[in-house]
Amino acid sequence: MRSLASQLAPRCARAYARTGARRFAALGDHFFGADGALAAEPPHVDHFALFGVAAHFDVDGAALDAGLRRLQNRLHPDRFASAPEAQKLLADAASARVNDALAVLRDPLRRADYARSLTTGDLVLDDETRQAPGALLLAVMEAREAVDDAANLEDLAAVVAANDGDVAAATAALREALGAGDLDGAAERIVELNFYGKIDAEAREAADARGFGELPRRAW
């Protein structure tokens, strides 16, 4: 089975050919028309290409930060202070597009889901009809019961520690599935990790609500 990167390569090449290589020589070029003004309907560029990073589960944080600085510099409001109102609005929209994409790429689970969607066209986290396997639902129920029954911070810390172990295993499996192009397997791991995130959040909310103190910071 082909890897995710190899599956995406033909699509990226076709998009690159359609829009023209010269227009995307620098990050953010697609926001601008041939006249140098911001375009009302810029060509679509996926989140990874927007920041100039590879479409992988693991993203180079330094490269992401560098891409962000470049985009912020090109789209900064000061550059459009004397521009027509329409250009100011387009600059705001472009900045919002950058911020939305950044939020996805900064979140490992959303990033994995988005990377998968570039091939499948659907987002697992947005699919409310997707059913979780019974074994996972049972494990989640037991973890939630442990949160409800916790008598002190140590009890909740034990729940979080066990959950962190499940997160680590599922994350490794997700990375492997995406690398192998196993999109169905990746979807299953995304569902699993989404539930584990909820368990972690519920344990932390319980610790705060019951005045137990602060749980250790997330290990993931």
N, C-alpha and C. Protein backbone atom coordinates (compact mmCIF):
# COMPACT_ATOMS: atom_id res chain seq x y z
N MET A 1 0.85 -1.19 0.00
CA MET A 1 0.00 0.00 0.00
C MET A 1 0.88 1.24 0.00
N ARG A 2 0.53 2.24 -0.83
CA ARG A 2 1.35 3.43 -0.94
C ARG A 2 1.23 4.30 0.31
N SER A 3 2.31 5.02 0.62
CA SER A 3 2.29 5.92 1.76
C SER A 3 1.40 7.11 1.47
N LEU A 4 1.05 7.85 2.53
CA LEU A 4 0.22 9.03 2.36
C LEU A 4 0.93 10.04 1.47
N ALA A 5 2.21 10.23 1.67
CA ALA A 5 2.95 11.22 0.88
C ALA A 5 2.93 10.87 -0.59
N SER A 6 3.09 9.56 -0.92
CA SER A 6 3.09 9.17 -2.33
C SER A 6 1.70 9.31 -2.94
N GLN A 7 0.66 9.14 -2.12
CA GLN A 7 -0.70 9.32 -2.62
C GLN A 7 -0.99 10.79 -2.90
N LEU A 8 -0.42 11.67 -2.09
CA LEU A 8 -0.67 13.09 -2.25
C LEU A 8 0.14 13.71 -3.38
N ALA A 9 1.28 13.10 -3.71
CA ALA A 9 2.18 13.71 -4.69
C ALA A 9 1.53 14.02 -6.03
N PRO A 10 0.80 13.08 -6.65
CA PRO A 10 0.16 13.40 -7.94
C PRO A 10 -0.83 14.55 -7.84
N ARG A 11 -1.60 14.57 -6.74
CA ARG A 11 -2.58 15.64 -6.57
C ARG A 11 -1.89 16.99 -6.45
N CYS A 12 -0.81 17.04 -5.66
CA CYS A 12 -0.09 18.29 -5.49
C CYS A 12 0.52 18.75 -6.81
N ALA A 13 1.03 17.78 -7.58
CA ALA A 13 1.63 18.12 -8.86
C ALA A 13 0.59 18.70 -9.81
N ARG A 14 -0.61 18.13 -9.82
CA ARG A 14 -1.66 18.64 -10.71
C ARG A 14 -2.07 20.06 -10.30
N ALA A 15 -2.21 20.27 -8.97
CA ALA A 15 -2.60 21.61 -8.49
C ALA A 15 -1.52 22.62 -8.83
N TYR A 16 -0.29 22.19 -8.71
CA TYR A 16 0.85 23.07 -9.00
C TYR A 16 0.85 23.44 -10.48
N ALA A 17 0.55 22.46 -11.32
CA ALA A 17 0.54 22.72 -12.76
C ALA A 17 -0.61 23.64 -13.14
N ARG A 18 -1.76 23.48 -12.48
CA ARG A 18 -2.92 24.31 -12.81
C ARG A 18 -2.68 25.77 -12.45
N THR A 19 -2.09 26.01 -11.29
CA THR A 19 -1.96 27.38 -10.81
C THR A 19 -0.71 28.07 -11.32
N GLY A 20 0.28 27.28 -11.74
CA GLY A 20 1.49 27.88 -12.28
C GLY A 20 2.58 27.94 -11.24
N ALA A 21 3.74 27.37 -11.58
CA ALA A 21 4.84 27.30 -10.61
C ALA A 21 5.30 28.67 -10.18
N ARG A 22 5.35 29.63 -11.09
CA ARG A 22 5.92 30.93 -10.77
C ARG A 22 5.11 31.65 -9.71
N ARG A 23 3.79 31.46 -9.72
CA ARG A 23 2.93 32.16 -8.78
C ARG A 23 3.15 31.72 -7.35
N PHE A 24 3.67 30.50 -7.13
CA PHE A 24 3.83 29.99 -5.79
C PHE A 24 5.30 29.84 -5.42
N ALA A 25 6.13 30.72 -5.99
CA ALA A 25 7.56 30.66 -5.69
C ALA A 25 7.82 31.00 -4.23
N ALA A 26 6.95 31.80 -3.61
CA ALA A 26 7.11 32.19 -2.22
C ALA A 26 5.81 31.94 -1.47
N LEU A 27 5.93 31.68 -0.17
CA LEU A 27 4.73 31.43 0.62
C LEU A 27 3.80 32.62 0.56
N GLY A 28 2.53 32.34 0.38
CA GLY A 28 1.53 33.39 0.34
C GLY A 28 1.30 33.99 -1.02
N ASP A 29 2.08 33.59 -2.04
CA ASP A 29 1.90 34.15 -3.38
C ASP A 29 0.47 33.96 -3.89
N HIS A 30 -0.14 32.84 -3.52
CA HIS A 30 -1.46 32.54 -4.07
C HIS A 30 -2.53 33.53 -3.61
N PHE A 31 -2.26 34.28 -2.53
CA PHE A 31 -3.23 35.27 -2.06
C PHE A 31 -3.29 36.49 -2.98
N PHE A 32 -2.28 36.66 -3.83
CA PHE A 32 -2.16 37.87 -4.63
C PHE A 32 -2.38 37.60 -6.11
N GLY A 33 -2.98 38.57 -6.80
CA GLY A 33 -3.18 38.47 -8.23
C GLY A 33 -1.96 38.96 -8.99
N ALA A 34 -2.03 38.91 -10.30
CA ALA A 34 -0.91 39.33 -11.14
C ALA A 34 -0.59 40.80 -10.97
N ASP A 35 -1.57 41.59 -10.53
CA ASP A 35 -1.36 43.03 -10.36
C ASP A 35 -0.78 43.37 -8.99
N GLY A 36 -0.53 42.35 -8.15
CA GLY A 36 0.05 42.58 -6.84
C GLY A 36 -0.97 42.84 -5.76
N ALA A 37 -2.24 42.93 -6.13
CA ALA A 37 -3.30 43.15 -5.14
C ALA A 37 -3.81 41.80 -4.63
N LEU A 38 -4.38 41.81 -3.44
CA LEU A 38 -4.97 40.58 -2.91
C LEU A 38 -6.14 40.15 -3.78
N ALA A 39 -6.20 38.86 -4.06
CA ALA A 39 -7.24 38.33 -4.93
C ALA A 39 -8.51 38.04 -4.13
N ALA A 40 -9.65 38.32 -4.75
CA ALA A 40 -10.93 38.06 -4.08
C ALA A 40 -11.16 36.57 -3.87
N GLU A 41 -10.71 35.74 -4.82
CA GLU A 41 -10.87 34.29 -4.73
C GLU A 41 -9.53 33.63 -5.04
N PRO A 42 -8.62 33.61 -4.08
CA PRO A 42 -7.30 33.01 -4.33
C PRO A 42 -7.42 31.51 -4.58
N PRO A 43 -6.52 30.94 -5.38
CA PRO A 43 -6.54 29.49 -5.61
C PRO A 43 -6.38 28.75 -4.28
N HIS A 44 -6.98 27.57 -4.20
CA HIS A 44 -6.87 26.78 -2.96
C HIS A 44 -5.47 26.21 -2.80
N VAL A 45 -4.96 26.34 -1.60
CA VAL A 45 -3.69 25.72 -1.22
C VAL A 45 -3.94 24.99 0.10
N ASP A 46 -3.54 23.74 0.21
CA ASP A 46 -3.81 23.01 1.45
C ASP A 46 -2.98 23.58 2.60
N HIS A 47 -3.33 23.20 3.81
CA HIS A 47 -2.69 23.77 5.00
C HIS A 47 -1.18 23.55 4.99
N PHE A 48 -0.74 22.38 4.59
CA PHE A 48 0.69 22.08 4.60
C PHE A 48 1.44 22.96 3.60
N ALA A 49 0.90 23.03 2.39
CA ALA A 49 1.52 23.86 1.35
C ALA A 49 1.50 25.33 1.74
N LEU A 50 0.46 25.75 2.43
CA LEU A 50 0.34 27.13 2.86
C LEU A 50 1.55 27.56 3.68
N PHE A 51 2.00 26.65 4.56
CA PHE A 51 3.14 26.96 5.43
C PHE A 51 4.46 26.41 4.90
N GLY A 52 4.42 25.72 3.78
CA GLY A 52 5.65 25.20 3.20
C GLY A 52 6.23 24.03 3.95
N VAL A 53 5.38 23.20 4.56
CA VAL A 53 5.84 22.02 5.29
C VAL A 53 5.29 20.76 4.62
N ALA A 54 5.95 19.64 4.85
CA ALA A 54 5.54 18.38 4.25
C ALA A 54 4.24 17.88 4.87
N ALA A 55 3.43 17.21 4.04
CA ALA A 55 2.14 16.67 4.49
C ALA A 55 2.35 15.35 5.19
N HIS A 56 2.85 15.42 6.42
CA HIS A 56 3.11 14.23 7.22
C HIS A 56 2.41 14.37 8.58
N PHE A 57 2.34 13.26 9.29
CA PHE A 57 1.79 13.31 10.65
C PHE A 57 2.66 14.18 11.54
N ASP A 58 3.97 14.03 11.43
CA ASP A 58 4.91 14.83 12.22
C ASP A 58 5.32 16.06 11.41
N VAL A 59 5.14 17.23 11.98
CA VAL A 59 5.47 18.48 11.30
C VAL A 59 6.69 19.10 11.94
N ASP A 60 7.58 19.64 11.11
CA ASP A 60 8.76 20.35 11.58
C ASP A 60 8.30 21.66 12.21
N GLY A 61 8.37 21.74 13.54
CA GLY A 61 7.90 22.92 14.24
C GLY A 61 8.63 24.19 13.82
N ALA A 62 9.95 24.10 13.62
CA ALA A 62 10.72 25.27 13.22
C ALA A 62 10.30 25.75 11.84
N ALA A 63 10.05 24.81 10.93
CA ALA A 63 9.63 25.17 9.58
C ALA A 63 8.23 25.78 9.61
N LEU A 64 7.37 25.25 10.48
CA LEU A 64 6.02 25.81 10.61
C LEU A 64 6.08 27.24 11.13
N ASP A 65 6.92 27.47 12.12
CA ASP A 65 7.08 28.82 12.68
C ASP A 65 7.64 29.77 11.63
N ALA A 66 8.60 29.29 10.84
CA ALA A 66 9.19 30.14 9.80
C ALA A 66 8.15 30.50 8.74
N GLY A 67 7.33 29.53 8.37
CA GLY A 67 6.26 29.79 7.41
C GLY A 67 5.26 30.79 7.95
N LEU A 68 4.95 30.67 9.23
CA LEU A 68 4.01 31.59 9.86
C LEU A 68 4.56 33.02 9.83
N ARG A 69 5.83 33.17 10.18
CA ARG A 69 6.42 34.52 10.17
C ARG A 69 6.37 35.13 8.78
N ARG A 70 6.66 34.33 7.77
CA ARG A 70 6.64 34.84 6.39
C ARG A 70 5.23 35.27 6.00
N LEU A 71 4.24 34.47 6.33
CA LEU A 71 2.86 34.80 5.98
C LEU A 71 2.38 36.02 6.75
N GLN A 72 2.72 36.10 8.03
CA GLN A 72 2.31 37.25 8.83
C GLN A 72 2.93 38.53 8.28
N ASN A 73 4.17 38.43 7.84
CA ASN A 73 4.84 39.60 7.29
C ASN A 73 4.16 40.09 6.02
N ARG A 74 3.74 39.16 5.18
CA ARG A 74 3.12 39.55 3.90
C ARG A 74 1.68 40.03 4.09
N LEU A 75 1.01 39.56 5.13
CA LEU A 75 -0.41 39.88 5.31
C LEU A 75 -0.67 40.82 6.48
N HIS A 76 0.38 41.41 7.04
CA HIS A 76 0.23 42.26 8.21
C HIS A 76 -0.67 43.46 7.87
N PRO A 77 -1.57 43.83 8.79
CA PRO A 77 -2.48 44.96 8.53
C PRO A 77 -1.77 46.25 8.15
N ASP A 78 -0.57 46.48 8.70
CA ASP A 78 0.15 47.71 8.39
C ASP A 78 0.44 47.84 6.90
N ARG A 79 0.56 46.71 6.22
CA ARG A 79 0.84 46.75 4.78
C ARG A 79 -0.36 47.25 3.98
N PHE A 80 -1.52 47.20 4.61
CA PHE A 80 -2.75 47.57 3.90
C PHE A 80 -3.43 48.78 4.54
N ALA A 81 -2.67 49.53 5.34
CA ALA A 81 -3.24 50.67 6.07
C ALA A 81 -3.84 51.70 5.13
N SER A 82 -3.20 51.92 3.98
CA SER A 82 -3.70 52.92 3.04
C SER A 82 -4.40 52.29 1.84
N ALA A 83 -4.65 50.99 1.91
CA ALA A 83 -5.29 50.29 0.80
C ALA A 83 -6.79 50.50 0.83
N PRO A 84 -7.47 50.28 -0.30
CA PRO A 84 -8.94 50.37 -0.31
C PRO A 84 -9.55 49.40 0.71
N GLU A 85 -10.76 49.73 1.15
CA GLU A 85 -11.42 48.92 2.17
C GLU A 85 -11.55 47.46 1.73
N ALA A 86 -11.79 47.23 0.44
CA ALA A 86 -11.94 45.85 -0.04
C ALA A 86 -10.65 45.07 0.18
N GLN A 87 -9.50 45.71 -0.02
CA GLN A 87 -8.22 45.03 0.19
C GLN A 87 -7.99 44.74 1.67
N LYS A 88 -8.42 45.66 2.54
CA LYS A 88 -8.29 45.43 3.98
C LYS A 88 -9.11 44.22 4.41
N LEU A 89 -10.30 44.11 3.85
CA LEU A 89 -11.16 42.97 4.18
C LEU A 89 -10.55 41.66 3.68
N LEU A 90 -9.96 41.70 2.49
CA LEU A 90 -9.32 40.50 1.95
C LEU A 90 -8.09 40.13 2.78
N ALA A 91 -7.38 41.12 3.29
CA ALA A 91 -6.22 40.86 4.15
C ALA A 91 -6.68 40.19 5.45
N ASP A 92 -7.80 40.68 6.00
CA ASP A 92 -8.34 40.06 7.21
C ASP A 92 -8.74 38.61 6.94
N ALA A 93 -9.35 38.37 5.79
CA ALA A 93 -9.78 37.01 5.43
C ALA A 93 -8.57 36.11 5.24
N ALA A 94 -7.52 36.63 4.62
CA ALA A 94 -6.31 35.83 4.41
C ALA A 94 -5.66 35.49 5.75
N SER A 95 -5.63 36.46 6.66
CA SER A 95 -5.05 36.21 7.99
C SER A 95 -5.87 35.17 8.74
N ALA A 96 -7.19 35.24 8.61
CA ALA A 96 -8.04 34.25 9.25
C ALA A 96 -7.79 32.86 8.69
N ARG A 97 -7.58 32.79 7.38
CA ARG A 97 -7.27 31.51 6.73
C ARG A 97 -5.97 30.93 7.28
N VAL A 98 -4.98 31.79 7.45
CA VAL A 98 -3.69 31.34 8.00
C VAL A 98 -3.87 30.85 9.43
N ASN A 99 -4.62 31.60 10.24
CA ASN A 99 -4.82 31.21 11.64
C ASN A 99 -5.59 29.91 11.77
N ASP A 100 -6.60 29.72 10.92
CA ASP A 100 -7.37 28.48 10.95
C ASP A 100 -6.48 27.29 10.60
N ALA A 101 -5.66 27.46 9.56
CA ALA A 101 -4.77 26.38 9.14
C ALA A 101 -3.73 26.09 10.22
N LEU A 102 -3.23 27.13 10.85
CA LEU A 102 -2.24 26.95 11.91
C LEU A 102 -2.82 26.16 13.08
N ALA A 103 -4.06 26.46 13.45
CA ALA A 103 -4.70 25.75 14.56
C ALA A 103 -4.79 24.26 14.27
N VAL A 104 -5.05 23.91 13.02
CA VAL A 104 -5.12 22.50 12.64
C VAL A 104 -3.74 21.85 12.71
N LEU A 105 -2.74 22.51 12.16
CA LEU A 105 -1.41 21.92 12.10
C LEU A 105 -0.72 21.87 13.45
N ARG A 106 -1.13 22.72 14.38
CA ARG A 106 -0.55 22.68 15.73
C ARG A 106 -1.12 21.54 16.56
N ASP A 107 -2.28 21.03 16.19
CA ASP A 107 -2.97 19.98 16.94
C ASP A 107 -2.70 18.64 16.27
N PRO A 108 -1.95 17.74 16.92
CA PRO A 108 -1.58 16.47 16.27
C PRO A 108 -2.76 15.67 15.74
N LEU A 109 -3.85 15.62 16.51
CA LEU A 109 -4.99 14.81 16.07
C LEU A 109 -5.70 15.45 14.88
N ARG A 110 -5.95 16.73 14.97
CA ARG A 110 -6.59 17.42 13.84
C ARG A 110 -5.68 17.42 12.61
N ARG A 111 -4.38 17.53 12.84
CA ARG A 111 -3.42 17.49 11.72
C ARG A 111 -3.46 16.14 11.02
N ALA A 112 -3.49 15.07 11.79
CA ALA A 112 -3.56 13.74 11.19
C ALA A 112 -4.87 13.57 10.42
N ASP A 113 -5.96 14.03 11.00
CA ASP A 113 -7.26 13.92 10.33
C ASP A 113 -7.26 14.72 9.04
N TYR A 114 -6.67 15.91 9.07
CA TYR A 114 -6.62 16.74 7.87
C TYR A 114 -5.73 16.11 6.80
N ALA A 115 -4.58 15.59 7.21
CA ALA A 115 -3.69 14.94 6.25
C ALA A 115 -4.40 13.78 5.55
N ARG A 116 -5.14 13.00 6.32
CA ARG A 116 -5.91 11.90 5.74
C ARG A 116 -6.96 12.43 4.78
N SER A 117 -7.60 13.54 5.13
CA SER A 117 -8.69 14.08 4.32
C SER A 117 -8.22 14.55 2.95
N LEU A 118 -6.93 14.86 2.80
CA LEU A 118 -6.43 15.29 1.51
C LEU A 118 -6.55 14.20 0.46
N THR A 119 -6.61 12.95 0.93
CA THR A 119 -6.81 11.83 0.02
C THR A 119 -8.26 11.38 -0.01
N THR A 120 -8.91 11.34 1.15
CA THR A 120 -10.27 10.79 1.24
C THR A 120 -11.36 11.81 1.00
N GLY A 121 -11.07 13.09 1.27
CA GLY A 121 -12.09 14.13 1.12
C GLY A 121 -13.03 14.27 2.31
N ASP A 122 -12.80 13.49 3.37
CA ASP A 122 -13.67 13.59 4.55
C ASP A 122 -12.83 13.70 5.81
N LEU A 123 -13.42 14.32 6.83
CA LEU A 123 -12.77 14.46 8.13
C LEU A 123 -13.45 13.53 9.13
N VAL A 124 -12.67 12.67 9.74
CA VAL A 124 -13.20 11.72 10.71
C VAL A 124 -13.84 12.46 11.88
N LEU A 125 -13.20 13.50 12.36
CA LEU A 125 -13.68 14.21 13.55
C LEU A 125 -14.98 14.96 13.30
N ASP A 126 -15.33 15.16 12.04
CA ASP A 126 -16.59 15.84 11.71
C ASP A 126 -17.71 14.86 11.39
N ASP A 127 -17.40 13.57 11.38
CA ASP A 127 -18.39 12.56 11.00
C ASP A 127 -19.12 12.05 12.24
N GLU A 128 -20.29 12.61 12.50
CA GLU A 128 -21.06 12.23 13.68
C GLU A 128 -21.73 10.86 13.54
N THR A 129 -21.72 10.30 12.35
CA THR A 129 -22.36 9.01 12.14
C THR A 129 -21.38 7.84 12.33
N ARG A 130 -20.09 8.16 12.44
CA ARG A 130 -19.09 7.10 12.56
C ARG A 130 -19.22 6.40 13.90
N GLN A 131 -19.28 5.08 13.88
CA GLN A 131 -19.45 4.29 15.09
C GLN A 131 -18.10 3.83 15.65
N ALA A 132 -17.94 3.98 16.94
CA ALA A 132 -16.74 3.48 17.61
C ALA A 132 -16.93 2.00 17.93
N PRO A 133 -15.86 1.21 17.89
CA PRO A 133 -16.00 -0.21 18.22
C PRO A 133 -16.43 -0.43 19.67
N GLY A 134 -17.13 -1.53 19.90
CA GLY A 134 -17.65 -1.81 21.23
C GLY A 134 -16.58 -1.88 22.30
N ALA A 135 -15.42 -2.46 21.96
CA ALA A 135 -14.35 -2.61 22.95
C ALA A 135 -13.84 -1.24 23.40
N LEU A 136 -13.78 -0.31 22.46
CA LEU A 136 -13.32 1.04 22.82
C LEU A 136 -14.36 1.72 23.70
N LEU A 137 -15.63 1.60 23.35
CA LEU A 137 -16.68 2.22 24.15
C LEU A 137 -16.70 1.67 25.57
N LEU A 138 -16.45 0.36 25.70
CA LEU A 138 -16.40 -0.25 27.03
C LEU A 138 -15.23 0.30 27.83
N ALA A 139 -14.07 0.42 27.19
CA ALA A 139 -12.89 0.95 27.88
C ALA A 139 -13.11 2.40 28.31
N VAL A 140 -13.76 3.16 27.47
CA VAL A 140 -14.04 4.56 27.80
C VAL A 140 -15.02 4.64 28.97
N MET A 141 -16.03 3.79 28.97
CA MET A 141 -16.99 3.76 30.05
C MET A 141 -16.30 3.43 31.38
N GLU A 142 -15.39 2.47 31.35
CA GLU A 142 -14.69 2.08 32.57
C GLU A 142 -13.79 3.21 33.06
N ALA A 143 -13.15 3.92 32.13
CA ALA A 143 -12.30 5.04 32.52
C ALA A 143 -13.13 6.15 33.14
N ARG A 144 -14.31 6.41 32.58
CA ARG A 144 -15.17 7.46 33.11
C ARG A 144 -15.71 7.08 34.50
N GLU A 145 -15.97 5.80 34.69
CA GLU A 145 -16.40 5.34 36.01
C GLU A 145 -15.28 5.54 37.02
N ALA A 146 -14.03 5.31 36.58
CA ALA A 146 -12.89 5.51 37.47
C ALA A 146 -12.75 6.99 37.83
N VAL A 147 -13.04 7.86 36.89
CA VAL A 147 -13.01 9.30 37.18
C VAL A 147 -14.10 9.64 38.19
N ASP A 148 -15.28 9.12 37.97
CA ASP A 148 -16.40 9.39 38.89
C ASP A 148 -16.11 8.87 40.30
N ASP A 149 -15.43 7.73 40.39
CA ASP A 149 -15.18 7.10 41.69
C ASP A 149 -13.94 7.62 42.39
N ALA A 150 -13.14 8.43 41.71
CA ALA A 150 -11.87 8.90 42.27
C ALA A 150 -12.12 9.67 43.57
N ALA A 151 -11.38 9.29 44.62
CA ALA A 151 -11.55 9.92 45.93
C ALA A 151 -10.52 10.99 46.20
N ASN A 152 -9.47 11.04 45.38
CA ASN A 152 -8.41 12.02 45.62
C ASN A 152 -7.62 12.24 44.33
N LEU A 153 -6.63 13.13 44.43
CA LEU A 153 -5.83 13.45 43.24
C LEU A 153 -5.05 12.25 42.74
N GLU A 154 -4.60 11.41 43.64
CA GLU A 154 -3.81 10.23 43.25
C GLU A 154 -4.66 9.28 42.39
N ASP A 155 -5.91 9.13 42.74
CA ASP A 155 -6.80 8.27 41.95
C ASP A 155 -6.95 8.81 40.53
N LEU A 156 -7.15 10.11 40.42
CA LEU A 156 -7.30 10.70 39.09
C LEU A 156 -5.99 10.65 38.32
N ALA A 157 -4.87 10.83 39.03
CA ALA A 157 -3.56 10.76 38.37
C ALA A 157 -3.34 9.36 37.79
N ALA A 158 -3.84 8.34 38.46
CA ALA A 158 -3.70 6.98 37.95
C ALA A 158 -4.51 6.80 36.67
N VAL A 159 -5.70 7.39 36.63
CA VAL A 159 -6.53 7.33 35.42
C VAL A 159 -5.81 8.01 34.27
N VAL A 160 -5.26 9.19 34.54
CA VAL A 160 -4.57 9.95 33.50
C VAL A 160 -3.33 9.21 33.01
N ALA A 161 -2.59 8.60 33.93
CA ALA A 161 -1.39 7.87 33.54
C ALA A 161 -1.74 6.69 32.63
N ALA A 162 -2.79 5.95 32.99
CA ALA A 162 -3.21 4.83 32.14
C ALA A 162 -3.68 5.33 30.78
N ASN A 163 -4.39 6.45 30.79
CA ASN A 163 -4.87 7.03 29.55
C ASN A 163 -3.70 7.50 28.68
N ASP A 164 -2.67 8.06 29.32
CA ASP A 164 -1.49 8.50 28.57
C ASP A 164 -0.83 7.32 27.86
N GLY A 165 -0.83 6.16 28.51
CA GLY A 165 -0.27 4.97 27.88
C GLY A 165 -1.07 4.57 26.65
N ASP A 166 -2.38 4.66 26.76
CA ASP A 166 -3.24 4.35 25.61
C ASP A 166 -3.01 5.35 24.48
N VAL A 167 -2.84 6.63 24.85
CA VAL A 167 -2.59 7.66 23.85
C VAL A 167 -1.29 7.39 23.11
N ALA A 168 -0.26 7.04 23.85
CA ALA A 168 1.05 6.78 23.22
C ALA A 168 0.96 5.63 22.23
N ALA A 169 0.26 4.55 22.62
CA ALA A 169 0.14 3.39 21.74
C ALA A 169 -0.69 3.73 20.50
N ALA A 170 -1.79 4.45 20.69
CA ALA A 170 -2.65 4.80 19.56
C ALA A 170 -1.96 5.79 18.62
N THR A 171 -1.16 6.70 19.20
CA THR A 171 -0.44 7.67 18.37
C THR A 171 0.60 6.97 17.50
N ALA A 172 1.30 6.02 18.08
CA ALA A 172 2.28 5.26 17.30
C ALA A 172 1.59 4.49 16.18
N ALA A 173 0.43 3.92 16.48
CA ALA A 173 -0.32 3.18 15.46
C ALA A 173 -0.84 4.11 14.37
N LEU A 174 -1.25 5.31 14.75
CA LEU A 174 -1.73 6.29 13.78
C LEU A 174 -0.60 6.72 12.86
N ARG A 175 0.56 7.00 13.43
CA ARG A 175 1.72 7.39 12.62
C ARG A 175 2.05 6.29 11.62
N GLU A 176 2.01 5.05 12.09
CA GLU A 176 2.33 3.92 11.21
C GLU A 176 1.28 3.77 10.11
N ALA A 177 0.02 3.92 10.47
CA ALA A 177 -1.06 3.76 9.48
C ALA A 177 -0.96 4.82 8.39
N LEU A 178 -0.74 6.08 8.78
CA LEU A 178 -0.62 7.14 7.79
C LEU A 178 0.61 6.93 6.91
N GLY A 179 1.70 6.50 7.51
CA GLY A 179 2.92 6.26 6.75
C GLY A 179 2.76 5.15 5.74
N ALA A 180 1.91 4.17 6.06
CA ALA A 180 1.68 3.04 5.15
C ALA A 180 0.52 3.28 4.19
N GLY A 181 -0.13 4.42 4.32
CA GLY A 181 -1.29 4.69 3.46
C GLY A 181 -2.53 3.92 3.86
N ASP A 182 -2.56 3.43 5.09
CA ASP A 182 -3.73 2.70 5.60
C ASP A 182 -4.73 3.71 6.14
N LEU A 183 -5.56 4.25 5.29
CA LEU A 183 -6.45 5.34 5.68
C LEU A 183 -7.60 4.87 6.56
N ASP A 184 -8.06 3.64 6.38
CA ASP A 184 -9.09 3.10 7.26
C ASP A 184 -8.53 2.89 8.67
N GLY A 185 -7.33 2.34 8.74
CA GLY A 185 -6.69 2.15 10.04
C GLY A 185 -6.43 3.49 10.72
N ALA A 186 -6.04 4.49 9.94
CA ALA A 186 -5.80 5.82 10.50
C ALA A 186 -7.10 6.38 11.08
N ALA A 187 -8.20 6.17 10.38
CA ALA A 187 -9.49 6.67 10.86
C ALA A 187 -9.85 6.03 12.21
N GLU A 188 -9.58 4.74 12.35
CA GLU A 188 -9.88 4.05 13.60
C GLU A 188 -9.06 4.62 14.75
N ARG A 189 -7.80 4.93 14.47
CA ARG A 189 -6.94 5.49 15.52
C ARG A 189 -7.35 6.92 15.87
N ILE A 190 -7.82 7.67 14.89
CA ILE A 190 -8.27 9.03 15.15
C ILE A 190 -9.49 9.01 16.07
N VAL A 191 -10.42 8.10 15.81
CA VAL A 191 -11.59 7.95 16.68
C VAL A 191 -11.14 7.60 18.10
N GLU A 192 -10.21 6.67 18.18
CA GLU A 192 -9.70 6.22 19.48
C GLU A 192 -9.06 7.38 20.24
N LEU A 193 -8.20 8.13 19.58
CA LEU A 193 -7.50 9.23 20.24
C LEU A 193 -8.46 10.35 20.63
N ASN A 194 -9.51 10.53 19.87
CA ASN A 194 -10.50 11.55 20.22
C ASN A 194 -11.17 11.20 21.55
N PHE A 195 -11.48 9.93 21.75
CA PHE A 195 -12.07 9.50 23.02
C PHE A 195 -11.07 9.65 24.16
N TYR A 196 -9.82 9.32 23.92
CA TYR A 196 -8.81 9.45 24.98
C TYR A 196 -8.64 10.91 25.39
N GLY A 197 -8.75 11.81 24.42
CA GLY A 197 -8.67 13.22 24.74
C GLY A 197 -9.81 13.66 25.66
N LYS A 198 -10.98 13.09 25.44
CA LYS A 198 -12.13 13.42 26.28
C LYS A 198 -11.94 12.89 27.70
N ILE A 199 -11.36 11.70 27.83
CA ILE A 199 -11.10 11.14 29.16
C ILE A 199 -10.15 12.04 29.93
N ASP A 200 -9.09 12.47 29.27
CA ASP A 200 -8.11 13.34 29.91
C ASP A 200 -8.78 14.64 30.37
N ALA A 201 -9.59 15.22 29.50
CA ALA A 201 -10.26 16.48 29.84
C ALA A 201 -11.21 16.29 31.03
N GLU A 202 -11.94 15.18 31.05
CA GLU A 202 -12.89 14.93 32.12
C GLU A 202 -12.18 14.72 33.46
N ALA A 203 -11.03 14.03 33.43
CA ALA A 203 -10.26 13.82 34.66
C ALA A 203 -9.76 15.16 35.21
N ARG A 204 -9.30 16.03 34.34
CA ARG A 204 -8.79 17.33 34.77
C ARG A 204 -9.92 18.23 35.28
N GLU A 205 -11.05 18.16 34.65
CA GLU A 205 -12.21 18.93 35.12
C GLU A 205 -12.65 18.43 36.49
N ALA A 206 -12.61 17.12 36.69
CA ALA A 206 -13.00 16.55 37.98
C ALA A 206 -12.04 16.99 39.08
N ALA A 207 -10.75 16.98 38.78
CA ALA A 207 -9.76 17.40 39.78
C ALA A 207 -9.99 18.84 40.20
N ASP A 208 -10.32 19.68 39.24
CA ASP A 208 -10.56 21.09 39.53
C ASP A 208 -11.87 21.27 40.30
N ALA A 209 -12.93 20.59 39.84
CA ALA A 209 -14.24 20.76 40.46
C ALA A 209 -14.26 20.26 41.90
N ARG A 210 -13.48 19.22 42.20
CA ARG A 210 -13.48 18.64 43.54
C ARG A 210 -12.40 19.23 44.43
N GLY A 211 -11.64 20.18 43.91
CA GLY A 211 -10.62 20.83 44.71
C GLY A 211 -9.46 19.92 45.06
N PHE A 212 -9.18 18.94 44.22
CA PHE A 212 -8.09 18.01 44.50
C PHE A 212 -6.71 18.60 44.20
N GLY A 213 -6.67 19.63 43.42
CA GLY A 213 -5.38 20.17 42.99
C GLY A 213 -5.17 19.95 41.50
N GLU A 214 -3.97 20.19 41.03
CA GLU A 214 -3.67 20.13 39.61
C GLU A 214 -3.01 18.80 39.25
N LEU A 215 -3.53 18.17 38.20
CA LEU A 215 -2.93 16.93 37.71
C LEU A 215 -1.65 17.22 36.94
N PRO A 216 -0.76 16.23 36.84
CA PRO A 216 0.45 16.42 36.04
C PRO A 216 0.11 16.86 34.63
N ARG A 217 0.98 17.63 34.03
CA ARG A 217 0.76 18.09 32.66
C ARG A 217 0.73 16.92 31.71
N ARG A 218 0.02 17.09 30.61
CA ARG A 218 -0.09 16.02 29.63
C ARG A 218 1.28 15.58 29.14
N ALA A 219 1.38 14.27 28.91
CA ALA A 219 2.63 13.73 28.36
C ALA A 219 2.55 13.63 26.85
N TRP A 220 1.51 14.18 26.21
CA TRP A 220 1.32 14.05 24.77
C TRP A 220 0.79 15.35 24.19
